[in-house]
Amino acid sequence: MYKNYYKKLIIKNVIIIALILLFAVFATYKIYYKFRKERTVDYNSSSLEITFHEKSGDQVSLTKVIPVTDAVGLSSKSYTFTVKNNLTIPVNYKIKLVEDVEAITDDNCGEKQIPKEVIKVSLKDGKNNKIYGLNTLEDNTLKTTKIKALGEKDYTVRIWTNNDATASEDLHYHGKIQIVEENSDIAKAK
């Protein structure tokens, strides 16, 4: 008599625990993909798929001038993205940081831009981290590279003002990260 009672109790508890675990897995899945979709912004060109991992997408901004060392700048806000080759052949492309003319016009801040001479930019791909002065970039190009067939590369861009800058909350910078294929095809939002 007690044997059947304990058997039923064990089965009941196993079913309840299984339902709780199933609910937890389902809820975690839904929450993860809800926030993931809010954060990633996808761009495409004819051969490449670019995924920006922040809500800002390809937009980069520096809202005030605060002079910092490169060590501090390398720990500033990051803009991460992934470049994926959808072809079975390697593809050459450039990573550029250009002025966001639309944001400058919308903010009506053409005269309030941080001088390019005091802006530093870093581009990290894997273990390589290069630091550039924004005014020293040739054709606004951070990197010219090639991605292997069906390959994928992750990048991180950081932007800050160097030690020579004079602190100011009035000045700011609006930029855009562009991925340009060798055929001059710029990745656009889906």
C-alpha atoms as a PDB file:
ATOM      1  CA  MET A   1       0.000   0.000   0.000  1.00  0.00           C
ATOM      2  CA  TYR A   2       2.755   2.458   0.915  1.00  0.00           C
ATOM      3  CA  LYS A   3       4.779   1.232  -2.044  1.00  0.00           C
ATOM      4  CA  ASN A   4       2.165   2.434  -4.549  1.00  0.00           C
ATOM      5  CA  TYR A   5       1.788   5.744  -2.713  1.00  0.00           C
ATOM      6  CA  TYR A   6       5.543   6.493  -2.858  1.00  0.00           C
ATOM      7  CA  LYS A   7       5.693   5.406  -6.473  1.00  0.00           C
ATOM      8  CA  LYS A   8       2.880   7.828  -7.415  1.00  0.00           C
ATOM      9  CA  LEU A   9       4.515  10.587  -5.364  1.00  0.00           C
ATOM     10  CA  ILE A  10       7.866  10.110  -7.126  1.00  0.00           C
ATOM     11  CA  ILE A  11       6.224  10.124 -10.587  1.00  0.00           C
ATOM     12  CA  LYS A  12       4.269  13.267  -9.690  1.00  0.00           C
ATOM     13  CA  ASN A  13       7.431  15.053  -8.466  1.00  0.00           C
ATOM     14  CA  VAL A  14       9.417  14.024 -11.565  1.00  0.00           C
ATOM     15  CA  ILE A  15       6.664  15.406 -13.819  1.00  0.00           C
ATOM     16  CA  ILE A  16       6.544  18.695 -11.866  1.00  0.00           C
ATOM     17  CA  ILE A  17      10.347  19.091 -11.979  1.00  0.00           C
ATOM     18  CA  ALA A  18      10.375  18.296 -15.713  1.00  0.00           C
ATOM     19  CA  LEU A  19       7.689  20.938 -16.361  1.00  0.00           C
ATOM     20  CA  ILE A  20       9.603  23.541 -14.326  1.00  0.00           C
ATOM     21  CA  LEU A  21      12.827  22.795 -16.223  1.00  0.00           C
ATOM     22  CA  LEU A  22      11.002  22.929 -19.561  1.00  0.00           C
ATOM     23  CA  PHE A  23       9.480  26.290 -18.637  1.00  0.00           C
ATOM     24  CA  ALA A  24      12.891  27.639 -17.509  1.00  0.00           C
ATOM     25  CA  VAL A  25      14.593  26.576 -20.761  1.00  0.00           C
ATOM     26  CA  PHE A  26      11.787  28.061 -22.879  1.00  0.00           C
ATOM     27  CA  ALA A  27      11.796  31.361 -20.928  1.00  0.00           C
ATOM     28  CA  THR A  28      15.594  31.653 -21.154  1.00  0.00           C
ATOM     29  CA  TYR A  29      15.472  31.017 -24.920  1.00  0.00           C
ATOM     30  CA  LYS A  30      12.796  33.684 -25.461  1.00  0.00           C
ATOM     31  CA  ILE A  31      14.561  36.277 -23.295  1.00  0.00           C
ATOM     32  CA  TYR A  32      17.947  35.691 -24.967  1.00  0.00           C
ATOM     33  CA  TYR A  33      16.607  36.035 -28.505  1.00  0.00           C
ATOM     34  CA  LYS A  34      14.447  39.039 -27.627  1.00  0.00           C
ATOM     35  CA  PHE A  35      17.469  41.011 -26.403  1.00  0.00           C
ATOM     36  CA  ARG A  36      19.748  39.655 -29.125  1.00  0.00           C
ATOM     37  CA  LYS A  37      17.412  40.898 -31.852  1.00  0.00           C
ATOM     38  CA  GLU A  38      17.224  44.323 -30.194  1.00  0.00           C
ATOM     39  CA  ARG A  39      21.008  44.631 -30.105  1.00  0.00           C
ATOM     40  CA  THR A  40      22.162  43.319 -33.476  1.00  0.00           C
ATOM     41  CA  VAL A  41      21.850  45.311 -36.683  1.00  0.00           C
ATOM     42  CA  ASP A  42      22.502  43.517 -39.953  1.00  0.00           C
ATOM     43  CA  TYR A  43      24.043  45.036 -43.071  1.00  0.00           C
ATOM     44  CA  ASN A  44      24.782  43.421 -46.437  1.00  0.00           C
ATOM     45  CA  SER A  45      26.801  44.005 -49.537  1.00  0.00           C
ATOM     46  CA  SER A  46      26.866  41.770 -52.594  1.00  0.00           C
ATOM     47  CA  SER A  47      29.289  39.282 -50.971  1.00  0.00           C
ATOM     48  CA  LEU A  48      29.504  40.153 -47.289  1.00  0.00           C
ATOM     49  CA  GLU A  49      27.142  40.042 -44.348  1.00  0.00           C
ATOM     50  CA  ILE A  50      27.961  42.503 -41.547  1.00  0.00           C
ATOM     51  CA  THR A  51      26.403  42.288 -38.087  1.00  0.00           C
ATOM     52  CA  PHE A  52      26.825  45.205 -35.691  1.00  0.00           C
ATOM     53  CA  HIS A  53      26.358  44.062 -32.103  1.00  0.00           C
ATOM     54  CA  GLU A  54      25.059  47.329 -30.588  1.00  0.00           C
ATOM     55  CA  LYS A  55      21.762  49.140 -31.002  1.00  0.00           C
ATOM     56  CA  SER A  56      23.602  52.049 -32.619  1.00  0.00           C
ATOM     57  CA  GLY A  57      24.521  49.823 -35.569  1.00  0.00           C
ATOM     58  CA  ASP A  58      27.211  51.432 -37.692  1.00  0.00           C
ATOM     59  CA  GLN A  59      26.999  54.811 -35.904  1.00  0.00           C
ATOM     60  CA  VAL A  60      29.904  55.925 -33.721  1.00  0.00           C
ATOM     61  CA  SER A  61      29.722  58.954 -31.457  1.00  0.00           C
ATOM     62  CA  LEU A  62      31.928  60.864 -29.100  1.00  0.00           C
ATOM     63  CA  THR A  63      29.737  63.148 -27.002  1.00  0.00           C
ATOM     64  CA  LYS A  64      32.310  65.287 -25.189  1.00  0.00           C
ATOM     65  CA  VAL A  65      36.001  66.053 -25.197  1.00  0.00           C
ATOM     66  CA  ILE A  66      37.770  64.420 -22.258  1.00  0.00           C
ATOM     67  CA  PRO A  67      41.557  64.144 -22.673  1.00  0.00           C
ATOM     68  CA  VAL A  68      42.709  60.586 -21.867  1.00  0.00           C
ATOM     69  CA  THR A  69      45.758  58.403 -22.417  1.00  0.00           C
ATOM     70  CA  ASP A  70      45.692  55.604 -24.965  1.00  0.00           C
ATOM     71  CA  ALA A  71      45.491  53.034 -22.151  1.00  0.00           C
ATOM     72  CA  VAL A  72      42.271  54.628 -20.877  1.00  0.00           C
ATOM     73  CA  GLY A  73      40.967  55.106 -24.426  1.00  0.00           C
ATOM     74  CA  LEU A  74      41.392  51.391 -25.107  1.00  0.00           C
ATOM     75  CA  SER A  75      38.937  50.722 -22.295  1.00  0.00           C
ATOM     76  CA  SER A  76      36.328  53.186 -23.590  1.00  0.00           C
ATOM     77  CA  LYS A  77      32.977  52.263 -25.163  1.00  0.00           C
ATOM     78  CA  SER A  78      33.375  49.670 -27.890  1.00  0.00           C
ATOM     79  CA  TYR A  79      31.565  49.227 -31.189  1.00  0.00           C
ATOM     80  CA  THR A  80      31.740  45.569 -32.233  1.00  0.00           C
ATOM     81  CA  PHE A  81      30.832  43.968 -35.520  1.00  0.00           C
ATOM     82  CA  THR A  82      31.307  40.740 -37.454  1.00  0.00           C
ATOM     83  CA  VAL A  83      32.118  40.455 -41.155  1.00  0.00           C
ATOM     84  CA  LYS A  84      31.063  37.200 -42.825  1.00  0.00           C
ATOM     85  CA  ASN A  85      31.926  36.145 -46.367  1.00  0.00           C
ATOM     86  CA  ASN A  86      28.998  34.408 -48.090  1.00  0.00           C
ATOM     87  CA  LEU A  87      31.040  33.392 -51.150  1.00  0.00           C
ATOM     88  CA  THR A  88      33.268  30.405 -51.838  1.00  0.00           C
ATOM     89  CA  ILE A  89      36.086  32.722 -52.915  1.00  0.00           C
ATOM     90  CA  PRO A  90      38.072  35.241 -50.833  1.00  0.00           C
ATOM     91  CA  VAL A  91      36.818  38.846 -50.803  1.00  0.00           C
ATOM     92  CA  ASN A  92      38.875  42.043 -50.379  1.00  0.00           C
ATOM     93  CA  TYR A  93      37.321  44.865 -48.373  1.00  0.00           C
ATOM     94  CA  LYS A  94      38.087  48.058 -46.444  1.00  0.00           C
ATOM     95  CA  ILE A  95      36.936  49.151 -43.020  1.00  0.00           C
ATOM     96  CA  LYS A  96      36.364  52.911 -42.975  1.00  0.00           C
ATOM     97  CA  LEU A  97      35.337  55.450 -40.364  1.00  0.00           C
ATOM     98  CA  VAL A  98      33.603  58.354 -42.105  1.00  0.00           C
ATOM     99  CA  GLU A  99      31.714  61.396 -40.832  1.00  0.00           C
ATOM    100  CA  ASP A 100      27.995  60.756 -40.364  1.00  0.00           C
ATOM    101  CA  VAL A 101      26.719  63.699 -42.396  1.00  0.00           C
ATOM    102  CA  GLU A 102      23.084  62.802 -41.689  1.00  0.00           C
ATOM    103  CA  ALA A 103      23.596  62.866 -37.890  1.00  0.00           C
ATOM    104  CA  ILE A 104      25.554  66.141 -38.126  1.00  0.00           C
ATOM    105  CA  THR A 105      22.714  67.683 -40.144  1.00  0.00           C
ATOM    106  CA  ASP A 106      20.012  66.320 -37.801  1.00  0.00           C
ATOM    107  CA  ASP A 107      21.858  67.677 -34.728  1.00  0.00           C
ATOM    108  CA  ASN A 108      22.665  70.946 -36.529  1.00  0.00           C
ATOM    109  CA  CYS A 109      26.178  70.720 -35.091  1.00  0.00           C
ATOM    110  CA  GLY A 110      28.444  71.431 -38.048  1.00  0.00           C
ATOM    111  CA  GLU A 111      30.384  74.050 -36.056  1.00  0.00           C
ATOM    112  CA  LYS A 112      30.531  71.939 -32.876  1.00  0.00           C
ATOM    113  CA  GLN A 113      32.630  69.046 -34.199  1.00  0.00           C
ATOM    114  CA  ILE A 114      35.683  67.795 -32.306  1.00  0.00           C
ATOM    115  CA  PRO A 115      38.815  68.539 -34.386  1.00  0.00           C
ATOM    116  CA  LYS A 116      40.081  65.363 -36.071  1.00  0.00           C
ATOM    117  CA  GLU A 117      43.597  66.128 -34.839  1.00  0.00           C
ATOM    118  CA  VAL A 118      42.661  65.203 -31.249  1.00  0.00           C
ATOM    119  CA  ILE A 119      40.572  62.094 -31.992  1.00  0.00           C
ATOM    120  CA  LYS A 120      42.150  58.643 -31.652  1.00  0.00           C
ATOM    121  CA  VAL A 121      40.640  55.431 -33.046  1.00  0.00           C
ATOM    122  CA  SER A 122      41.548  51.825 -32.355  1.00  0.00           C
ATOM    123  CA  LEU A 123      40.638  48.801 -34.467  1.00  0.00           C
ATOM    124  CA  LYS A 124      40.985  45.385 -32.908  1.00  0.00           C
ATOM    125  CA  ASP A 125      40.703  42.187 -34.923  1.00  0.00           C
ATOM    126  CA  GLY A 126      41.481  39.115 -32.906  1.00  0.00           C
ATOM    127  CA  LYS A 127      44.692  39.841 -31.003  1.00  0.00           C
ATOM    128  CA  ASN A 128      45.860  42.736 -33.210  1.00  0.00           C
ATOM    129  CA  ASN A 129      44.999  46.198 -31.914  1.00  0.00           C
ATOM    130  CA  LYS A 130      46.048  49.239 -33.958  1.00  0.00           C
ATOM    131  CA  ILE A 131      45.675  52.856 -32.833  1.00  0.00           C
ATOM    132  CA  TYR A 132      45.318  55.687 -35.362  1.00  0.00           C
ATOM    133  CA  GLY A 133      44.889  59.427 -35.282  1.00  0.00           C
ATOM    134  CA  LEU A 134      41.640  60.195 -37.114  1.00  0.00           C
ATOM    135  CA  ASN A 135      43.374  62.932 -39.123  1.00  0.00           C
ATOM    136  CA  THR A 136      46.125  60.513 -40.278  1.00  0.00           C
ATOM    137  CA  LEU A 137      43.783  58.018 -41.950  1.00  0.00           C
ATOM    138  CA  GLU A 138      44.177  57.895 -45.709  1.00  0.00           C
ATOM    139  CA  ASP A 139      40.713  58.064 -47.310  1.00  0.00           C
ATOM    140  CA  ASN A 140      39.224  57.390 -43.816  1.00  0.00           C
ATOM    141  CA  THR A 141      40.415  53.770 -44.091  1.00  0.00           C
ATOM    142  CA  LEU A 142      41.198  51.897 -40.876  1.00  0.00           C
ATOM    143  CA  LYS A 143      42.112  48.631 -42.578  1.00  0.00           C
ATOM    144  CA  THR A 144      42.314  47.013 -46.005  1.00  0.00           C
ATOM    145  CA  THR A 145      42.128  43.242 -45.781  1.00  0.00           C
ATOM    146  CA  LYS A 146      40.878  39.998 -47.278  1.00  0.00           C
ATOM    147  CA  ILE A 147      38.469  37.467 -45.805  1.00  0.00           C
ATOM    148  CA  LYS A 148      38.766  33.810 -46.763  1.00  0.00           C
ATOM    149  CA  ALA A 149      35.984  31.900 -48.488  1.00  0.00           C
ATOM    150  CA  LEU A 150      32.991  31.451 -46.155  1.00  0.00           C
ATOM    151  CA  GLY A 151      35.116  33.059 -43.415  1.00  0.00           C
ATOM    152  CA  GLU A 152      34.098  35.234 -40.502  1.00  0.00           C
ATOM    153  CA  LYS A 153      36.028  37.971 -38.633  1.00  0.00           C
ATOM    154  CA  ASP A 154      35.174  39.944 -35.499  1.00  0.00           C
ATOM    155  CA  TYR A 155      36.228  43.571 -35.021  1.00  0.00           C
ATOM    156  CA  THR A 156      36.066  46.154 -32.239  1.00  0.00           C
ATOM    157  CA  VAL A 157      36.332  49.919 -32.789  1.00  0.00           C
ATOM    158  CA  ARG A 158      36.959  52.385 -29.961  1.00  0.00           C
ATOM    159  CA  ILE A 159      37.178  56.174 -30.202  1.00  0.00           C
ATOM    160  CA  TRP A 160      38.473  58.783 -27.728  1.00  0.00           C
ATOM    161  CA  THR A 161      40.241  62.151 -27.521  1.00  0.00           C
ATOM    162  CA  ASN A 162      43.990  62.234 -26.879  1.00  0.00           C
ATOM    163  CA  ASN A 163      45.911  63.982 -24.095  1.00  0.00           C
ATOM    164  CA  ASP A 164      46.403  67.122 -26.233  1.00  0.00           C
ATOM    165  CA  ALA A 165      42.663  67.838 -26.312  1.00  0.00           C
ATOM    166  CA  THR A 166      41.122  70.646 -24.287  1.00  0.00           C
ATOM    167  CA  ALA A 167      38.144  69.434 -22.222  1.00  0.00           C
ATOM    168  CA  SER A 168      34.797  70.591 -23.601  1.00  0.00           C
ATOM    169  CA  GLU A 169      31.210  69.388 -23.334  1.00  0.00           C
ATOM    170  CA  ASP A 170      30.059  71.475 -26.315  1.00  0.00           C
ATOM    171  CA  LEU A 171      32.004  69.573 -28.955  1.00  0.00           C
ATOM    172  CA  HIS A 172      31.219  66.091 -30.242  1.00  0.00           C
ATOM    173  CA  TYR A 173      31.857  63.717 -33.154  1.00  0.00           C
ATOM    174  CA  HIS A 174      29.435  61.699 -35.302  1.00  0.00           C
ATOM    175  CA  GLY A 175      30.880  58.906 -37.416  1.00  0.00           C
ATOM    176  CA  LYS A 176      29.879  55.785 -39.320  1.00  0.00           C
ATOM    177  CA  ILE A 177      31.697  52.506 -39.747  1.00  0.00           C
ATOM    178  CA  GLN A 178      31.593  51.446 -43.390  1.00  0.00           C
ATOM    179  CA  ILE A 179      32.571  48.111 -44.884  1.00  0.00           C
ATOM    180  CA  VAL A 180      33.455  48.632 -48.545  1.00  0.00           C
ATOM    181  CA  GLU A 181      34.146  45.741 -50.922  1.00  0.00           C
ATOM    182  CA  GLU A 182      36.884  46.008 -53.542  1.00  0.00           C
ATOM    183  CA  ASN A 183      34.209  46.771 -56.156  1.00  0.00           C
ATOM    184  CA  SER A 184      33.175  49.864 -54.107  1.00  0.00           C
ATOM    185  CA  ASP A 185      30.003  48.153 -52.880  1.00  0.00           C
ATOM    186  CA  ILE A 186      29.163  49.629 -49.428  1.00  0.00           C
ATOM    187  CA  ALA A 187      27.312  47.376 -46.982  1.00  0.00           C
ATOM    188  CA  LYS A 188      23.793  48.726 -46.373  1.00  0.00           C
ATOM    189  CA  ALA A 189      21.173  47.947 -43.715  1.00  0.00           C
ATOM    190  CA  LYS A 190      18.840  45.072 -44.540  1.00  0.00           C
END
